[in-house]
């Protein structure tokens, strides 16, 4: 959402309503929503469809507890699939950085010793 006074002035002097980030995202998502089959974004396979059940009502703050329409359900499912790839990449990057820091910390204590050997020594010291 953008306030009404946020207008973009074009080169010819005309004014145009600026697009919000959300509306730009939905514009990119529209072909996926309109497709016959949803494709999973990582491998391009047909995704597993969640079953629409009007008896399951999502909590909405300050709104009545009415079930969402099937089109809203499909849009939300496609949006979740589109957001999966950046989320997984973020997790992978953080995990990789954490492992590198861990390996550097261990390597500073006993250089040249592999992780499995360290674990074996640790287990032997615990048993004695």
N, C-alpha and C. Protein backbone atom coordinates (compact mmCIF):
# COMPACT_ATOMS: atom_id res chain seq x y z
N UNK A 1 0.84 -1.17 0.00
CA UNK A 1 0.00 0.00 0.00
C UNK A 1 0.88 1.23 0.00
N UNK A 2 0.51 2.18 -0.83
CA UNK A 2 1.20 3.47 -0.87
C UNK A 2 0.16 4.56 -0.74
N UNK A 3 0.48 5.65 -0.05
CA UNK A 3 -0.48 6.74 0.05
C UNK A 3 -0.74 7.37 -1.31
N UNK A 4 -1.89 8.02 -1.44
CA UNK A 4 -2.31 8.59 -2.73
C UNK A 4 -1.38 9.69 -3.22
N UNK A 5 -0.74 10.40 -2.29
CA UNK A 5 0.13 11.50 -2.72
C UNK A 5 1.48 11.02 -3.27
N UNK A 6 1.76 9.75 -3.17
CA UNK A 6 3.03 9.22 -3.69
C UNK A 6 2.85 8.96 -5.19
N UNK A 7 3.05 9.96 -5.99
CA UNK A 7 2.90 9.83 -7.44
C UNK A 7 4.27 9.93 -8.10
N UNK A 8 4.47 9.15 -9.13
CA UNK A 8 5.71 9.18 -9.89
C UNK A 8 5.50 10.12 -11.08
N UNK A 9 6.38 11.08 -11.26
CA UNK A 9 6.27 12.02 -12.38
C UNK A 9 7.07 11.45 -13.54
N UNK A 10 6.38 11.24 -14.64
CA UNK A 10 6.99 10.63 -15.82
C UNK A 10 7.73 11.70 -16.62
N UNK A 11 8.49 11.30 -17.65
CA UNK A 11 9.28 12.22 -18.47
C UNK A 11 8.41 13.22 -19.22
N UNK A 12 7.20 12.79 -19.62
CA UNK A 12 6.32 13.69 -20.36
C UNK A 12 5.51 14.60 -19.44
N UNK A 13 5.73 14.53 -18.15
CA UNK A 13 5.04 15.38 -17.19
C UNK A 13 3.79 14.76 -16.59
N UNK A 14 3.37 13.61 -17.11
CA UNK A 14 2.19 12.95 -16.55
C UNK A 14 2.55 12.30 -15.22
N UNK A 15 1.51 12.05 -14.43
CA UNK A 15 1.73 11.43 -13.12
C UNK A 15 1.17 10.01 -13.14
N UNK A 16 1.88 9.14 -12.44
CA UNK A 16 1.49 7.74 -12.40
C UNK A 16 1.63 7.26 -10.96
N UNK A 17 0.67 6.48 -10.49
CA UNK A 17 0.73 5.92 -9.14
C UNK A 17 1.90 4.94 -9.04
N UNK A 18 2.74 5.11 -8.04
CA UNK A 18 3.87 4.21 -7.87
C UNK A 18 3.38 2.84 -7.41
N UNK A 19 4.11 1.83 -7.81
CA UNK A 19 3.76 0.47 -7.43
C UNK A 19 4.44 0.13 -6.10
N UNK A 20 3.71 -0.54 -5.25
CA UNK A 20 4.30 -1.00 -4.00
C UNK A 20 5.08 -2.28 -4.28
N UNK A 21 5.88 -2.70 -3.33
CA UNK A 21 6.64 -3.93 -3.48
C UNK A 21 5.69 -5.12 -3.59
N UNK A 22 4.62 -5.08 -2.80
CA UNK A 22 3.65 -6.17 -2.81
C UNK A 22 2.96 -6.27 -4.18
N UNK A 23 2.55 -5.14 -4.74
CA UNK A 23 1.88 -5.20 -6.03
C UNK A 23 2.83 -5.65 -7.14
N UNK A 24 4.10 -5.29 -7.05
CA UNK A 24 5.09 -5.76 -8.01
C UNK A 24 5.27 -7.27 -7.90
N UNK A 25 5.33 -7.77 -6.66
CA UNK A 25 5.46 -9.21 -6.43
C UNK A 25 4.25 -9.96 -6.99
N UNK A 26 3.04 -9.45 -6.73
CA UNK A 26 1.84 -10.10 -7.23
C UNK A 26 1.78 -10.06 -8.76
N UNK A 27 2.33 -9.02 -9.36
CA UNK A 27 2.38 -8.92 -10.82
C UNK A 27 3.29 -10.02 -11.39
N UNK A 28 4.42 -10.29 -10.71
CA UNK A 28 5.31 -11.36 -11.14
C UNK A 28 4.70 -12.73 -10.89
N UNK A 29 3.87 -12.83 -9.86
CA UNK A 29 3.28 -14.10 -9.46
C UNK A 29 2.05 -14.47 -10.30
N UNK A 30 1.45 -13.51 -10.96
CA UNK A 30 0.20 -13.72 -11.70
C UNK A 30 0.26 -14.86 -12.71
N UNK A 31 1.30 -14.98 -13.56
CA UNK A 31 1.34 -16.11 -14.51
C UNK A 31 1.36 -17.46 -13.81
N UNK A 32 1.99 -17.56 -12.66
CA UNK A 32 2.02 -18.82 -11.92
C UNK A 32 0.64 -19.16 -11.38
N UNK A 33 -0.07 -18.15 -10.92
CA UNK A 33 -1.40 -18.39 -10.35
C UNK A 33 -2.36 -18.83 -11.45
N UNK A 34 -2.23 -18.25 -12.64
CA UNK A 34 -3.13 -18.56 -13.75
C UNK A 34 -2.78 -19.86 -14.48
N UNK A 35 -1.64 -20.43 -14.19
CA UNK A 35 -1.22 -21.66 -14.87
C UNK A 35 -2.14 -22.81 -14.48
N UNK A 36 -2.24 -23.79 -15.38
CA UNK A 36 -3.06 -24.97 -15.11
C UNK A 36 -2.50 -25.77 -13.94
N UNK A 37 -1.17 -25.86 -13.88
CA UNK A 37 -0.51 -26.64 -12.83
C UNK A 37 0.58 -25.79 -12.19
N UNK A 38 0.67 -25.84 -10.88
CA UNK A 38 1.74 -25.13 -10.17
C UNK A 38 3.01 -25.95 -10.24
N UNK A 39 4.11 -25.30 -10.57
CA UNK A 39 5.41 -25.97 -10.61
C UNK A 39 6.20 -25.58 -9.37
N UNK A 40 6.87 -26.56 -8.79
CA UNK A 40 7.72 -26.33 -7.64
C UNK A 40 8.94 -25.56 -8.11
N UNK A 41 9.33 -24.44 -7.45
CA UNK A 41 10.32 -23.53 -8.02
C UNK A 41 11.76 -24.06 -8.06
N UNK A 42 12.13 -25.00 -7.22
CA UNK A 42 13.52 -25.45 -7.19
C UNK A 42 13.81 -26.43 -8.31
N UNK A 43 12.99 -27.46 -8.47
CA UNK A 43 13.25 -28.49 -9.48
C UNK A 43 12.31 -28.42 -10.67
N UNK A 44 11.31 -27.56 -10.64
CA UNK A 44 10.38 -27.43 -11.74
C UNK A 44 9.40 -28.57 -11.86
N UNK A 45 9.21 -29.33 -10.79
CA UNK A 45 8.26 -30.44 -10.79
C UNK A 45 6.89 -29.93 -10.39
N UNK A 46 5.88 -30.69 -10.76
CA UNK A 46 4.54 -30.31 -10.34
C UNK A 46 4.45 -30.46 -8.82
N UNK A 47 4.00 -29.42 -8.17
CA UNK A 47 4.01 -29.43 -6.71
C UNK A 47 2.84 -30.24 -6.16
N UNK A 48 2.98 -30.60 -4.91
CA UNK A 48 1.91 -31.31 -4.23
C UNK A 48 0.84 -30.29 -3.88
N UNK A 49 -0.38 -30.57 -4.27
CA UNK A 49 -1.45 -29.62 -4.02
C UNK A 49 -2.01 -29.80 -2.61
N UNK A 50 -2.14 -28.70 -1.93
CA UNK A 50 -2.79 -28.73 -0.63
C UNK A 50 -4.29 -28.82 -0.88
N UNK A 51 -4.98 -29.57 -0.07
CA UNK A 51 -6.41 -29.73 -0.27
C UNK A 51 -7.15 -28.56 0.32
N UNK A 52 -8.07 -28.03 -0.44
CA UNK A 52 -8.89 -26.91 0.03
C UNK A 52 -9.97 -27.46 0.95
N UNK A 53 -10.05 -26.93 2.15
CA UNK A 53 -11.06 -27.33 3.11
C UNK A 53 -11.66 -26.08 3.73
N UNK A 54 -12.90 -25.74 3.37
CA UNK A 54 -13.51 -24.51 3.90
C UNK A 54 -13.76 -24.58 5.41
N UNK A 55 -13.68 -25.78 6.00
CA UNK A 55 -13.89 -25.90 7.43
C UNK A 55 -12.68 -25.44 8.24
N UNK A 56 -11.52 -25.39 7.59
CA UNK A 56 -10.32 -24.88 8.25
C UNK A 56 -10.25 -23.39 8.00
N UNK A 57 -10.42 -22.61 9.03
CA UNK A 57 -10.44 -21.15 8.88
C UNK A 57 -9.15 -20.58 9.44
N UNK A 58 -8.45 -19.79 8.62
CA UNK A 58 -7.22 -19.14 9.07
C UNK A 58 -7.58 -17.96 9.96
N UNK A 59 -6.78 -17.75 11.00
CA UNK A 59 -7.01 -16.61 11.89
C UNK A 59 -6.61 -15.33 11.18
N UNK A 60 -7.51 -14.40 11.16
CA UNK A 60 -7.24 -13.08 10.58
C UNK A 60 -7.49 -12.05 11.66
N UNK A 61 -6.54 -11.19 11.87
CA UNK A 61 -6.65 -10.20 12.93
C UNK A 61 -7.75 -9.19 12.62
N UNK A 62 -8.70 -9.08 13.52
CA UNK A 62 -9.75 -8.08 13.38
C UNK A 62 -10.79 -8.36 12.32
N UNK A 63 -10.78 -9.53 11.74
CA UNK A 63 -11.76 -9.85 10.69
C UNK A 63 -12.62 -11.01 11.15
N UNK A 64 -13.74 -11.16 10.49
CA UNK A 64 -14.63 -12.27 10.85
C UNK A 64 -13.99 -13.59 10.45
N UNK A 65 -14.40 -14.63 11.12
CA UNK A 65 -13.82 -15.95 10.86
C UNK A 65 -14.61 -16.66 9.76
N UNK A 66 -14.47 -16.16 8.55
CA UNK A 66 -15.10 -16.81 7.40
C UNK A 66 -14.02 -17.55 6.62
N UNK A 67 -14.38 -18.67 6.01
CA UNK A 67 -13.36 -19.41 5.26
C UNK A 67 -12.90 -18.62 4.03
N UNK A 68 -11.65 -18.85 3.66
CA UNK A 68 -11.14 -18.16 2.47
C UNK A 68 -11.69 -18.83 1.22
N UNK A 69 -11.80 -18.06 0.18
CA UNK A 69 -12.30 -18.57 -1.10
C UNK A 69 -11.24 -19.47 -1.74
N UNK A 70 -11.67 -20.40 -2.59
CA UNK A 70 -10.68 -21.26 -3.27
C UNK A 70 -9.62 -20.48 -4.02
N UNK A 71 -9.99 -19.36 -4.66
CA UNK A 71 -8.99 -18.57 -5.39
C UNK A 71 -7.97 -17.96 -4.44
N UNK A 72 -8.39 -17.55 -3.24
CA UNK A 72 -7.45 -17.02 -2.25
C UNK A 72 -6.52 -18.13 -1.76
N UNK A 73 -7.07 -19.32 -1.62
CA UNK A 73 -6.28 -20.47 -1.17
C UNK A 73 -5.19 -20.79 -2.19
N UNK A 74 -5.53 -20.80 -3.48
CA UNK A 74 -4.56 -21.10 -4.53
C UNK A 74 -3.52 -20.00 -4.61
N UNK A 75 -3.95 -18.73 -4.50
CA UNK A 75 -3.01 -17.62 -4.53
C UNK A 75 -2.02 -17.71 -3.38
N UNK A 76 -2.50 -18.02 -2.18
CA UNK A 76 -1.63 -18.12 -1.01
C UNK A 76 -0.65 -19.27 -1.18
N UNK A 77 -1.12 -20.39 -1.74
CA UNK A 77 -0.25 -21.55 -1.96
C UNK A 77 0.85 -21.22 -2.98
N UNK A 78 0.49 -20.54 -4.08
CA UNK A 78 1.47 -20.15 -5.10
C UNK A 78 2.46 -19.14 -4.53
N UNK A 79 1.99 -18.25 -3.67
CA UNK A 79 2.87 -17.26 -3.05
C UNK A 79 3.87 -17.93 -2.11
N UNK A 80 3.41 -18.93 -1.37
CA UNK A 80 4.32 -19.67 -0.49
C UNK A 80 5.39 -20.40 -1.30
N UNK A 81 5.01 -20.97 -2.43
CA UNK A 81 5.99 -21.65 -3.29
C UNK A 81 7.00 -20.66 -3.86
N UNK A 82 6.55 -19.48 -4.24
CA UNK A 82 7.46 -18.47 -4.80
C UNK A 82 8.45 -17.98 -3.75
N UNK A 83 8.03 -17.94 -2.49
CA UNK A 83 8.91 -17.46 -1.42
C UNK A 83 9.82 -18.56 -0.87
N UNK A 84 9.65 -19.78 -1.32
CA UNK A 84 10.43 -20.90 -0.80
C UNK A 84 11.90 -20.80 -1.17
N UNK A 85 12.20 -20.48 -2.42
CA UNK A 85 13.58 -20.47 -2.90
C UNK A 85 14.45 -19.45 -2.15
N UNK A 86 14.05 -18.19 -2.02
CA UNK A 86 14.89 -17.26 -1.25
C UNK A 86 15.06 -17.68 0.20
N UNK A 87 14.02 -18.27 0.78
CA UNK A 87 14.09 -18.72 2.17
C UNK A 87 15.11 -19.85 2.32
N UNK A 88 15.05 -20.84 1.42
CA UNK A 88 15.98 -21.96 1.48
C UNK A 88 17.41 -21.49 1.22
N UNK A 89 17.61 -20.56 0.28
CA UNK A 89 18.94 -20.01 0.02
C UNK A 89 19.49 -19.29 1.24
N UNK A 90 18.65 -18.54 1.93
CA UNK A 90 19.06 -17.84 3.13
C UNK A 90 19.48 -18.84 4.21
N UNK A 91 18.69 -19.88 4.41
CA UNK A 91 19.03 -20.90 5.40
C UNK A 91 20.35 -21.59 5.05
N UNK A 92 20.53 -21.92 3.78
CA UNK A 92 21.74 -22.60 3.36
C UNK A 92 22.97 -21.72 3.57
N UNK A 93 22.85 -20.44 3.25
CA UNK A 93 23.96 -19.50 3.43
C UNK A 93 24.33 -19.38 4.91
N UNK A 94 23.33 -19.24 5.77
CA UNK A 94 23.60 -19.14 7.20
C UNK A 94 24.23 -20.42 7.75
N UNK A 95 23.73 -21.56 7.31
CA UNK A 95 24.26 -22.83 7.79
C UNK A 95 25.70 -23.02 7.33
N UNK A 96 26.00 -22.65 6.08
CA UNK A 96 27.36 -22.77 5.56
C UNK A 96 28.31 -21.87 6.34
N UNK A 97 27.89 -20.65 6.62
CA UNK A 97 28.73 -19.74 7.40
C UNK A 97 28.97 -20.26 8.80
N UNK A 98 27.94 -20.82 9.42
CA UNK A 98 28.09 -21.36 10.78
C UNK A 98 29.07 -22.53 10.79
N UNK A 99 29.00 -23.40 9.77
CA UNK A 99 29.93 -24.53 9.72
C UNK A 99 31.36 -24.06 9.48
N UNK A 100 31.56 -23.05 8.63
CA UNK A 100 32.91 -22.52 8.39
C UNK A 100 33.50 -21.95 9.67
N UNK A 101 32.68 -21.18 10.41
CA UNK A 101 33.16 -20.61 11.67
C UNK A 101 33.50 -21.72 12.66
N UNK A 102 32.68 -22.76 12.71
CA UNK A 102 32.92 -23.88 13.61
C UNK A 102 34.21 -24.61 13.24
N UNK A 103 34.42 -24.85 11.95
CA UNK A 103 35.63 -25.54 11.51
C UNK A 103 36.88 -24.71 11.79
N UNK A 104 36.79 -23.38 11.61
CA UNK A 104 37.92 -22.51 11.91
C UNK A 104 38.23 -22.52 13.41
N UNK A 105 37.20 -22.54 14.23
CA UNK A 105 37.39 -22.58 15.68
C UNK A 105 38.06 -23.87 16.11
N UNK A 106 37.61 -24.98 15.57
CA UNK A 106 38.18 -26.28 15.92
C UNK A 106 39.60 -26.40 15.37
N UNK A 107 39.81 -25.92 14.15
CA UNK A 107 41.13 -26.01 13.53
C UNK A 107 42.16 -25.17 14.28
N UNK A 108 41.73 -24.10 14.92
CA UNK A 108 42.65 -23.27 15.69
C UNK A 108 43.14 -24.01 16.93
N UNK A 109 42.31 -24.87 17.51
CA UNK A 109 42.69 -25.62 18.70
C UNK A 109 43.68 -26.74 18.37
N UNK A 110 43.35 -27.56 17.37
CA UNK A 110 44.19 -28.69 16.97
C UNK A 110 44.27 -28.71 15.45
N UNK A 111 45.24 -28.01 14.86
CA UNK A 111 45.31 -27.95 13.39
C UNK A 111 45.65 -29.30 12.77
N UNK A 112 45.05 -29.56 11.62
CA UNK A 112 45.33 -30.77 10.86
C UNK A 112 44.56 -32.00 11.29
N UNK A 113 43.76 -31.90 12.32
CA UNK A 113 43.01 -33.04 12.81
C UNK A 113 41.60 -32.99 12.25
N UNK A 114 41.14 -34.08 11.64
CA UNK A 114 39.81 -34.09 11.04
C UNK A 114 38.73 -34.19 12.11
N UNK A 115 37.53 -33.81 11.74
CA UNK A 115 36.42 -33.76 12.68
C UNK A 115 36.11 -35.14 13.26
N UNK A 116 36.16 -36.18 12.43
CA UNK A 116 35.87 -37.54 12.90
C UNK A 116 36.91 -38.00 13.91
N UNK A 117 38.17 -37.64 13.67
CA UNK A 117 39.23 -38.01 14.62
C UNK A 117 39.03 -37.28 15.95
N UNK A 118 38.64 -36.04 15.87
CA UNK A 118 38.37 -35.28 17.11
C UNK A 118 37.23 -35.91 17.89
N UNK A 119 36.20 -36.32 17.18
CA UNK A 119 35.06 -36.95 17.84
C UNK A 119 35.47 -38.26 18.49
N UNK A 120 36.30 -39.03 17.81
CA UNK A 120 36.78 -40.29 18.36
C UNK A 120 37.58 -40.05 19.63
N UNK A 121 38.48 -39.07 19.61
CA UNK A 121 39.26 -38.74 20.80
C UNK A 121 38.37 -38.28 21.95
N UNK A 122 37.35 -37.50 21.60
CA UNK A 122 36.43 -37.00 22.62
C UNK A 122 35.67 -38.17 23.27
N UNK A 123 35.23 -39.13 22.45
CA UNK A 123 34.52 -40.29 22.98
C UNK A 123 35.43 -41.14 23.86
N UNK A 124 36.70 -41.30 23.46
CA UNK A 124 37.63 -42.06 24.27
C UNK A 124 37.91 -41.36 25.59
N UNK A 125 38.00 -40.04 25.58
CA UNK A 125 38.25 -39.31 26.83
C UNK A 125 37.02 -39.36 27.75
N UNK A 126 35.84 -39.46 27.19
CA UNK A 126 34.61 -39.56 28.00
C UNK A 126 34.50 -40.94 28.64
N UNK A 127 34.97 -41.97 27.94
CA UNK A 127 34.87 -43.34 28.46
C UNK A 127 35.87 -43.63 29.57
N UNK A 128 36.99 -42.91 29.62
CA UNK A 128 37.99 -43.16 30.66
C UNK A 128 37.77 -42.36 31.91
